[in-house]
Amino acid sequence: MSPALVVAATVLAVAVALLGALSTLLRRRIGRAHLAGAAALELVLLVQAGVAVAGLAGGRRPVELATFLAYLGTVVLLPVAGLLWARTEPTRWAGTVLGVAAAAVAVMLWRLLQLWQATGG
């Protein structure tokens, strides 16, 4: 896990969450800015997952390996699921759906880093 990528992904996740909150407050559905933000977040998460898998393949193992892998898989899928759900939401709450997913990603990333660093990974 790369702490720099965790910070970058957290910044993107918070930006997407704020954009989702703004669209909810303005009573609007999500638009291209939301899609671009979620796509950028997903790209950084995929790179981070690749770094983590490379570390695992190199012999680094967190003590809670099953928890780490579950978090890693979930954090990669969560923006996609949030975006798909938000795209099907016909009301102004689409931004909230995406915002909650992005906020969850931000929290989960720091837990992943904590799990990784607990063993010197």
Protein backbone atom coordinates (compact mmCIF):
# COMPACT_ATOMS: atom_id res chain seq x y z
CA MET A 1 0.00 0.00 0.00
CA SER A 2 1.24 3.43 -0.88
CA PRO A 3 0.44 6.19 1.65
CA ALA A 4 0.70 8.77 -1.14
CA LEU A 5 -1.99 6.96 -3.14
CA VAL A 6 -4.16 6.71 -0.03
CA VAL A 7 -3.94 10.49 0.39
CA ALA A 8 -4.66 11.09 -3.31
CA ALA A 9 -7.65 8.74 -3.27
CA THR A 10 -8.94 10.31 -0.05
CA VAL A 11 -8.81 13.78 -1.59
CA LEU A 12 -10.70 12.52 -4.64
CA ALA A 13 -13.25 10.67 -2.49
CA VAL A 14 -13.91 13.74 -0.37
CA ALA A 15 -14.28 15.86 -3.52
CA VAL A 16 -16.81 13.41 -4.97
CA ALA A 17 -18.68 13.29 -1.65
CA LEU A 18 -18.86 17.10 -1.52
CA LEU A 19 -19.96 17.26 -5.14
CA GLY A 20 -22.69 14.75 -4.35
CA ALA A 21 -23.81 16.81 -1.34
CA LEU A 22 -23.85 19.96 -3.45
CA SER A 23 -26.01 18.37 -6.13
CA THR A 24 -28.41 17.15 -3.44
CA LEU A 25 -28.63 20.64 -1.94
CA LEU A 26 -29.27 22.10 -5.39
CA ARG A 27 -31.89 19.41 -6.02
CA ARG A 28 -30.13 18.13 -9.13
CA ARG A 29 -29.18 14.70 -10.40
CA ILE A 30 -25.57 13.77 -10.94
CA GLY A 31 -23.80 14.92 -14.08
CA ARG A 32 -20.52 14.65 -15.95
CA ALA A 33 -18.48 16.14 -13.13
CA HIS A 34 -19.71 13.37 -10.85
CA LEU A 35 -18.87 10.74 -13.45
CA ALA A 36 -15.39 12.18 -14.00
CA GLY A 37 -14.70 12.34 -10.28
CA ALA A 38 -15.87 8.79 -9.70
CA ALA A 39 -13.81 7.57 -12.69
CA ALA A 40 -10.68 9.31 -11.40
CA LEU A 41 -11.27 7.85 -7.95
CA GLU A 42 -11.72 4.36 -9.41
CA LEU A 43 -8.50 4.69 -11.40
CA VAL A 44 -6.49 5.61 -8.30
CA LEU A 45 -8.12 2.77 -6.37
CA LEU A 46 -7.21 0.26 -9.08
CA VAL A 47 -3.59 1.44 -9.03
CA GLN A 48 -3.57 1.16 -5.24
CA ALA A 49 -5.03 -2.35 -5.45
CA GLY A 50 -2.29 -3.28 -7.92
CA VAL A 51 0.36 -1.99 -5.52
CA ALA A 52 -1.20 -3.97 -2.67
CA VAL A 53 -1.44 -7.17 -4.72
CA ALA A 54 2.20 -6.75 -5.78
CA GLY A 55 3.16 -6.39 -2.13
CA LEU A 56 1.21 -9.51 -1.23
CA ALA A 57 2.85 -11.39 -4.10
CA GLY A 58 6.21 -10.18 -2.80
CA GLY A 59 5.64 -11.92 0.51
CA ARG A 60 4.15 -9.17 2.69
CA ARG A 61 1.19 -10.45 4.69
CA PRO A 62 -0.98 -8.45 7.07
CA VAL A 63 -1.88 -10.36 10.23
CA GLU A 64 -5.57 -9.94 9.32
CA LEU A 65 -5.20 -11.05 5.71
CA ALA A 66 -8.86 -11.97 5.19
CA THR A 67 -10.00 -8.59 6.53
CA PHE A 68 -7.45 -6.80 4.36
CA LEU A 69 -8.56 -8.63 1.21
CA ALA A 70 -12.24 -8.01 1.99
CA TYR A 71 -11.61 -4.30 2.45
CA LEU A 72 -9.47 -4.15 -0.68
CA GLY A 73 -12.14 -5.79 -2.84
CA THR A 74 -14.91 -3.69 -1.37
CA VAL A 75 -13.09 -0.38 -1.69
CA VAL A 76 -12.52 -1.02 -5.39
CA LEU A 77 -16.15 -1.98 -6.05
CA LEU A 78 -17.84 0.66 -3.90
CA PRO A 79 -17.45 3.68 -6.26
CA VAL A 80 -18.77 1.61 -9.17
CA ALA A 81 -21.76 0.39 -7.16
CA GLY A 82 -22.46 3.90 -5.86
CA LEU A 83 -22.27 5.36 -9.35
CA LEU A 84 -24.54 2.71 -10.83
CA TRP A 85 -27.08 3.19 -8.07
CA ALA A 86 -26.90 6.98 -8.41
CA ARG A 87 -27.42 6.76 -12.18
CA THR A 88 -30.64 4.82 -11.67
CA GLU A 89 -31.96 7.14 -8.95
CA PRO A 90 -34.53 9.45 -10.61
CA THR A 91 -34.59 11.99 -7.77
CA ARG A 92 -32.23 14.56 -6.35
CA TRP A 93 -30.94 11.95 -3.88
CA ALA A 94 -28.61 10.49 -6.52
CA GLY A 95 -25.86 12.82 -5.30
CA THR A 96 -26.33 11.60 -1.76
CA VAL A 97 -25.98 7.98 -2.85
CA LEU A 98 -22.71 8.74 -4.62
CA GLY A 99 -21.52 10.95 -1.77
CA VAL A 100 -22.08 8.26 0.85
CA ALA A 101 -20.23 5.71 -1.28
CA ALA A 102 -17.31 8.12 -1.72
CA ALA A 103 -17.20 8.92 2.01
CA ALA A 104 -17.14 5.21 2.81
CA VAL A 105 -14.21 4.79 0.41
CA ALA A 106 -12.27 7.52 2.21
CA VAL A 107 -12.74 5.81 5.59
CA MET A 108 -12.00 2.33 4.25
CA LEU A 109 -8.75 3.45 2.65
CA TRP A 110 -7.32 4.56 5.97
CA ARG A 111 -8.37 1.30 7.61
CA LEU A 112 -6.62 -0.59 4.79
CA LEU A 113 -3.45 1.41 5.36
CA GLN A 114 -3.69 0.76 9.09
CA LEU A 115 -4.02 -2.98 8.48
CA TRP A 116 -1.08 -2.93 6.05
CA GLN A 117 1.24 -0.95 8.31
CA ALA A 118 0.41 -2.96 11.44
CA THR A 119 2.74 -5.68 10.20
CA GLY A 120 5.34 -3.46 8.59
CA GLY A 121 3.83 -4.13 5.14
